[in-house]
């Protein structure tokens, strides 16, 4: 067992539900990004303070993985419930971003 296998490094760093997320550009062309690329771009564009940026980053993480993170044993209904849970987590962090928006 190598170090990545022992501590889950590769699995954590390259989790499949954060990879190859399809986006359409203004020309309606589909491109795939890793979640961190999309989140970084959006946060740079929003130009939020540090606290709001952190919270919005978490919200975007949950939005981008919505419906994509599920285990081998999950059924269609379980996947939908997990997606709803991710959207609720995203809403929580969006509210936090709004609460912290005017803080320095």
N, C-alpha and C. Protein backbone atom coordinates (compact mmCIF):
# COMPACT_ATOMS: atom_id res chain seq x y z
N UNK A 1 0.85 -1.18 0.00
CA UNK A 1 0.00 0.00 0.00
C UNK A 1 0.89 1.24 0.00
N UNK A 2 0.67 2.16 -0.97
CA UNK A 2 1.47 3.37 -1.00
C UNK A 2 0.84 4.47 -0.14
N UNK A 3 1.50 5.62 -0.02
CA UNK A 3 1.02 6.69 0.85
C UNK A 3 -0.36 7.19 0.44
N UNK A 4 -0.61 7.35 -0.87
CA UNK A 4 -1.92 7.82 -1.32
C UNK A 4 -3.02 6.85 -0.96
N UNK A 5 -2.74 5.55 -1.06
CA UNK A 5 -3.75 4.56 -0.71
C UNK A 5 -4.00 4.55 0.79
N UNK A 6 -2.94 4.73 1.56
CA UNK A 6 -3.05 4.66 3.01
C UNK A 6 -3.90 5.82 3.56
N UNK A 7 -3.63 7.05 3.06
CA UNK A 7 -4.35 8.19 3.61
C UNK A 7 -5.49 8.67 2.71
N UNK A 8 -5.74 7.96 1.62
CA UNK A 8 -6.82 8.34 0.72
C UNK A 8 -6.47 9.54 -0.14
N UNK A 9 -5.19 9.92 -0.21
CA UNK A 9 -4.76 11.13 -0.92
C UNK A 9 -5.30 11.26 -2.32
N UNK A 10 -5.08 10.29 -3.16
CA UNK A 10 -5.54 10.37 -4.55
C UNK A 10 -7.06 10.37 -4.61
N UNK A 11 -7.70 9.57 -3.78
CA UNK A 11 -9.15 9.51 -3.77
C UNK A 11 -9.72 10.85 -3.30
N UNK A 12 -9.12 11.44 -2.29
CA UNK A 12 -9.60 12.72 -1.77
C UNK A 12 -9.31 13.83 -2.78
N UNK A 13 -8.12 13.85 -3.34
CA UNK A 13 -7.74 14.90 -4.25
C UNK A 13 -8.44 14.78 -5.61
N UNK A 14 -8.75 13.59 -6.03
CA UNK A 14 -9.34 13.36 -7.35
C UNK A 14 -10.67 12.62 -7.23
N UNK A 15 -11.49 13.00 -6.27
CA UNK A 15 -12.79 12.34 -6.08
C UNK A 15 -13.60 12.45 -7.37
N UNK A 16 -14.18 11.35 -7.84
CA UNK A 16 -14.87 11.37 -9.13
C UNK A 16 -16.04 12.34 -9.21
N UNK A 17 -16.70 12.61 -8.10
CA UNK A 17 -17.83 13.54 -8.14
C UNK A 17 -17.39 15.00 -8.26
N UNK A 18 -16.09 15.26 -8.24
CA UNK A 18 -15.56 16.61 -8.45
C UNK A 18 -14.81 16.72 -9.78
N UNK A 19 -14.82 15.68 -10.59
CA UNK A 19 -14.08 15.65 -11.86
C UNK A 19 -15.04 15.73 -13.04
N UNK A 20 -14.53 16.25 -14.13
CA UNK A 20 -15.23 16.25 -15.42
C UNK A 20 -16.67 16.77 -15.32
N UNK A 21 -16.82 17.91 -14.71
CA UNK A 21 -18.14 18.53 -14.59
C UNK A 21 -18.40 19.31 -15.88
N UNK A 22 -19.47 18.97 -16.60
CA UNK A 22 -19.72 19.63 -17.89
C UNK A 22 -20.29 21.04 -17.73
N UNK A 23 -19.75 21.97 -18.50
CA UNK A 23 -20.22 23.35 -18.57
C UNK A 23 -20.39 23.72 -20.03
N UNK A 24 -21.34 24.58 -20.32
CA UNK A 24 -21.48 25.10 -21.67
C UNK A 24 -21.01 26.55 -21.66
N UNK A 25 -20.21 26.90 -22.68
CA UNK A 25 -19.74 28.27 -22.78
C UNK A 25 -20.74 29.09 -23.60
N UNK A 26 -20.41 30.33 -23.86
CA UNK A 26 -21.34 31.22 -24.57
C UNK A 26 -21.60 30.76 -26.00
N UNK A 27 -20.71 29.97 -26.55
CA UNK A 27 -20.90 29.44 -27.91
C UNK A 27 -21.66 28.12 -27.88
N UNK A 28 -22.17 27.76 -26.72
CA UNK A 28 -22.92 26.52 -26.50
C UNK A 28 -22.05 25.28 -26.70
N UNK A 29 -20.75 25.44 -26.51
CA UNK A 29 -19.83 24.31 -26.58
C UNK A 29 -19.68 23.74 -25.17
N UNK A 30 -19.67 22.42 -25.08
CA UNK A 30 -19.51 21.78 -23.78
C UNK A 30 -18.03 21.60 -23.48
N UNK A 31 -17.65 21.96 -22.28
CA UNK A 31 -16.29 21.72 -21.80
C UNK A 31 -16.40 21.13 -20.41
N UNK A 32 -15.39 20.40 -20.02
CA UNK A 32 -15.39 19.77 -18.70
C UNK A 32 -14.32 20.40 -17.83
N UNK A 33 -14.69 20.69 -16.59
CA UNK A 33 -13.77 21.27 -15.62
C UNK A 33 -13.78 20.45 -14.35
N UNK A 34 -12.72 20.57 -13.60
CA UNK A 34 -12.72 20.03 -12.25
C UNK A 34 -13.41 21.07 -11.37
N UNK A 35 -14.02 20.63 -10.31
CA UNK A 35 -14.78 21.53 -9.44
C UNK A 35 -13.93 22.70 -8.96
N UNK A 36 -12.68 22.44 -8.56
CA UNK A 36 -11.85 23.52 -8.02
C UNK A 36 -11.60 24.59 -9.07
N UNK A 37 -11.51 24.22 -10.35
CA UNK A 37 -11.31 25.22 -11.40
C UNK A 37 -12.53 26.12 -11.52
N UNK A 38 -13.71 25.52 -11.51
CA UNK A 38 -14.94 26.29 -11.61
C UNK A 38 -15.12 27.19 -10.39
N UNK A 39 -14.91 26.63 -9.20
CA UNK A 39 -15.08 27.39 -7.96
C UNK A 39 -14.12 28.57 -7.91
N UNK A 40 -12.87 28.33 -8.25
CA UNK A 40 -11.87 29.40 -8.24
C UNK A 40 -12.25 30.52 -9.19
N UNK A 41 -12.67 30.18 -10.39
CA UNK A 41 -13.06 31.19 -11.38
C UNK A 41 -14.25 32.01 -10.90
N UNK A 42 -15.25 31.34 -10.36
CA UNK A 42 -16.45 32.03 -9.89
C UNK A 42 -16.11 32.95 -8.72
N UNK A 43 -15.31 32.46 -7.77
CA UNK A 43 -14.96 33.28 -6.61
C UNK A 43 -14.14 34.50 -7.01
N UNK A 44 -13.24 34.34 -7.98
CA UNK A 44 -12.46 35.49 -8.45
C UNK A 44 -13.38 36.52 -9.08
N UNK A 45 -14.37 36.07 -9.82
CA UNK A 45 -15.32 36.97 -10.46
C UNK A 45 -16.18 37.70 -9.42
N UNK A 46 -16.63 36.99 -8.38
CA UNK A 46 -17.50 37.59 -7.37
C UNK A 46 -16.78 38.59 -6.49
N UNK A 47 -15.47 38.38 -6.27
CA UNK A 47 -14.65 39.31 -5.48
C UNK A 47 -15.25 39.57 -4.09
N UNK A 48 -15.55 38.52 -3.35
CA UNK A 48 -16.13 38.62 -2.01
C UNK A 48 -15.05 38.78 -0.96
N UNK A 49 -15.45 39.16 0.25
CA UNK A 49 -14.47 39.17 1.34
C UNK A 49 -14.12 37.73 1.71
N UNK A 50 -13.13 37.57 2.55
CA UNK A 50 -12.62 36.22 2.85
C UNK A 50 -13.67 35.29 3.43
N UNK A 51 -14.44 35.76 4.38
CA UNK A 51 -15.44 34.90 5.02
C UNK A 51 -16.54 34.50 4.03
N UNK A 52 -17.05 35.48 3.29
CA UNK A 52 -18.10 35.17 2.31
C UNK A 52 -17.56 34.29 1.20
N UNK A 53 -16.33 34.52 0.81
CA UNK A 53 -15.71 33.70 -0.24
C UNK A 53 -15.59 32.25 0.21
N UNK A 54 -15.19 32.04 1.46
CA UNK A 54 -15.08 30.68 1.99
C UNK A 54 -16.45 29.99 1.96
N UNK A 55 -17.47 30.70 2.46
CA UNK A 55 -18.81 30.12 2.52
C UNK A 55 -19.35 29.85 1.11
N UNK A 56 -19.15 30.79 0.19
CA UNK A 56 -19.62 30.61 -1.17
C UNK A 56 -18.88 29.46 -1.86
N UNK A 57 -17.60 29.31 -1.55
CA UNK A 57 -16.84 28.18 -2.09
C UNK A 57 -17.44 26.85 -1.67
N UNK A 58 -17.83 26.75 -0.40
CA UNK A 58 -18.48 25.53 0.07
C UNK A 58 -19.83 25.32 -0.61
N UNK A 59 -20.60 26.41 -0.77
CA UNK A 59 -21.89 26.31 -1.44
C UNK A 59 -21.71 25.80 -2.87
N UNK A 60 -20.75 26.35 -3.58
CA UNK A 60 -20.50 25.92 -4.96
C UNK A 60 -20.06 24.46 -5.02
N UNK A 61 -19.27 24.05 -4.04
CA UNK A 61 -18.85 22.65 -3.98
C UNK A 61 -20.06 21.73 -3.91
N UNK A 62 -21.01 22.04 -3.04
CA UNK A 62 -22.20 21.20 -2.91
C UNK A 62 -23.09 21.27 -4.15
N UNK A 63 -23.17 22.43 -4.76
CA UNK A 63 -23.97 22.55 -5.99
C UNK A 63 -23.35 21.72 -7.11
N UNK A 64 -22.04 21.81 -7.26
CA UNK A 64 -21.37 21.10 -8.36
C UNK A 64 -21.39 19.58 -8.19
N UNK A 65 -21.44 19.11 -6.97
CA UNK A 65 -21.45 17.66 -6.78
C UNK A 65 -22.88 17.10 -6.67
N UNK A 66 -23.87 17.98 -6.65
CA UNK A 66 -25.26 17.57 -6.50
C UNK A 66 -25.64 16.53 -7.56
N UNK A 67 -26.11 15.40 -7.08
CA UNK A 67 -26.51 14.32 -7.98
C UNK A 67 -25.36 13.52 -8.55
N UNK A 68 -24.13 13.83 -8.13
CA UNK A 68 -22.95 13.13 -8.65
C UNK A 68 -22.25 12.27 -7.61
N UNK A 69 -22.54 12.50 -6.33
CA UNK A 69 -21.86 11.74 -5.28
C UNK A 69 -22.80 10.68 -4.73
N UNK A 70 -22.49 9.45 -5.00
CA UNK A 70 -23.30 8.36 -4.48
C UNK A 70 -22.47 7.10 -4.43
N UNK A 71 -22.84 6.22 -3.54
CA UNK A 71 -22.14 4.95 -3.38
C UNK A 71 -22.70 3.88 -4.28
N UNK A 72 -21.97 2.80 -4.38
CA UNK A 72 -22.37 1.68 -5.23
C UNK A 72 -23.72 1.08 -4.83
N UNK A 73 -24.06 1.16 -3.56
CA UNK A 73 -25.27 0.52 -3.05
C UNK A 73 -26.50 1.44 -3.09
N UNK A 74 -26.36 2.65 -3.57
CA UNK A 74 -27.46 3.60 -3.54
C UNK A 74 -28.43 3.37 -4.70
N UNK A 75 -29.71 3.51 -4.41
CA UNK A 75 -30.76 3.38 -5.43
C UNK A 75 -31.09 4.77 -5.97
N UNK A 76 -31.97 4.83 -6.97
CA UNK A 76 -32.38 6.10 -7.55
C UNK A 76 -32.93 7.06 -6.52
N UNK A 77 -33.77 6.55 -5.60
CA UNK A 77 -34.35 7.41 -4.58
C UNK A 77 -33.28 7.89 -3.60
N UNK A 78 -32.34 7.03 -3.24
CA UNK A 78 -31.25 7.43 -2.35
C UNK A 78 -30.41 8.54 -2.99
N UNK A 79 -30.18 8.42 -4.29
CA UNK A 79 -29.39 9.42 -5.01
C UNK A 79 -30.12 10.76 -4.98
N UNK A 80 -31.43 10.74 -5.19
CA UNK A 80 -32.22 11.97 -5.14
C UNK A 80 -32.18 12.60 -3.75
N UNK A 81 -32.29 11.77 -2.72
CA UNK A 81 -32.23 12.29 -1.35
C UNK A 81 -30.87 12.92 -1.06
N UNK A 82 -29.81 12.29 -1.55
CA UNK A 82 -28.45 12.83 -1.37
C UNK A 82 -28.32 14.16 -2.12
N UNK A 83 -28.92 14.25 -3.31
CA UNK A 83 -28.87 15.49 -4.08
C UNK A 83 -29.59 16.61 -3.33
N UNK A 84 -30.75 16.31 -2.77
CA UNK A 84 -31.50 17.31 -1.99
C UNK A 84 -30.68 17.74 -0.78
N UNK A 85 -30.02 16.80 -0.13
CA UNK A 85 -29.17 17.12 1.02
C UNK A 85 -28.04 18.07 0.59
N UNK A 86 -27.43 17.81 -0.55
CA UNK A 86 -26.37 18.70 -1.05
C UNK A 86 -26.91 20.09 -1.34
N UNK A 87 -28.11 20.19 -1.90
CA UNK A 87 -28.70 21.51 -2.19
C UNK A 87 -29.03 22.25 -0.90
N UNK A 88 -29.47 21.53 0.12
CA UNK A 88 -29.74 22.18 1.42
C UNK A 88 -28.44 22.68 2.07
N UNK A 89 -27.38 21.89 1.93
CA UNK A 89 -26.08 22.34 2.44
C UNK A 89 -25.63 23.58 1.69
N UNK A 90 -25.82 23.59 0.37
CA UNK A 90 -25.45 24.76 -0.43
C UNK A 90 -26.22 25.99 0.03
N UNK A 91 -27.53 25.84 0.26
CA UNK A 91 -28.35 26.96 0.71
C UNK A 91 -27.85 27.49 2.05
N UNK A 92 -27.46 26.60 2.95
CA UNK A 92 -26.93 27.01 4.25
C UNK A 92 -25.70 27.90 4.05
N UNK A 93 -24.78 27.47 3.19
CA UNK A 93 -23.55 28.23 2.98
C UNK A 93 -23.79 29.51 2.20
N UNK A 94 -24.77 29.54 1.31
CA UNK A 94 -25.12 30.79 0.63
C UNK A 94 -25.65 31.79 1.64
N UNK A 95 -26.47 31.33 2.57
CA UNK A 95 -26.97 32.22 3.62
C UNK A 95 -25.83 32.74 4.50
N UNK A 96 -24.87 31.88 4.80
CA UNK A 96 -23.69 32.32 5.57
C UNK A 96 -22.92 33.38 4.79
N UNK A 97 -22.73 33.17 3.49
CA UNK A 97 -22.02 34.15 2.66
C UNK A 97 -22.73 35.50 2.71
N UNK A 98 -24.06 35.47 2.65
CA UNK A 98 -24.83 36.71 2.72
C UNK A 98 -24.68 37.36 4.10
N UNK A 99 -24.73 36.57 5.16
CA UNK A 99 -24.57 37.10 6.52
C UNK A 99 -23.22 37.78 6.70
N UNK A 100 -22.19 37.21 6.11
CA UNK A 100 -20.82 37.70 6.31
C UNK A 100 -20.38 38.70 5.24
N UNK A 101 -21.25 39.02 4.30
CA UNK A 101 -20.84 39.84 3.15
C UNK A 101 -20.25 41.20 3.53
N UNK A 102 -20.82 41.86 4.52
CA UNK A 102 -20.36 43.20 4.86
C UNK A 102 -19.29 43.22 5.95
N UNK A 103 -18.91 42.06 6.44
CA UNK A 103 -17.84 42.01 7.43
C UNK A 103 -16.49 42.19 6.76
N UNK A 104 -15.58 42.75 7.48
CA UNK A 104 -14.22 42.96 6.94
C UNK A 104 -13.37 41.76 7.16
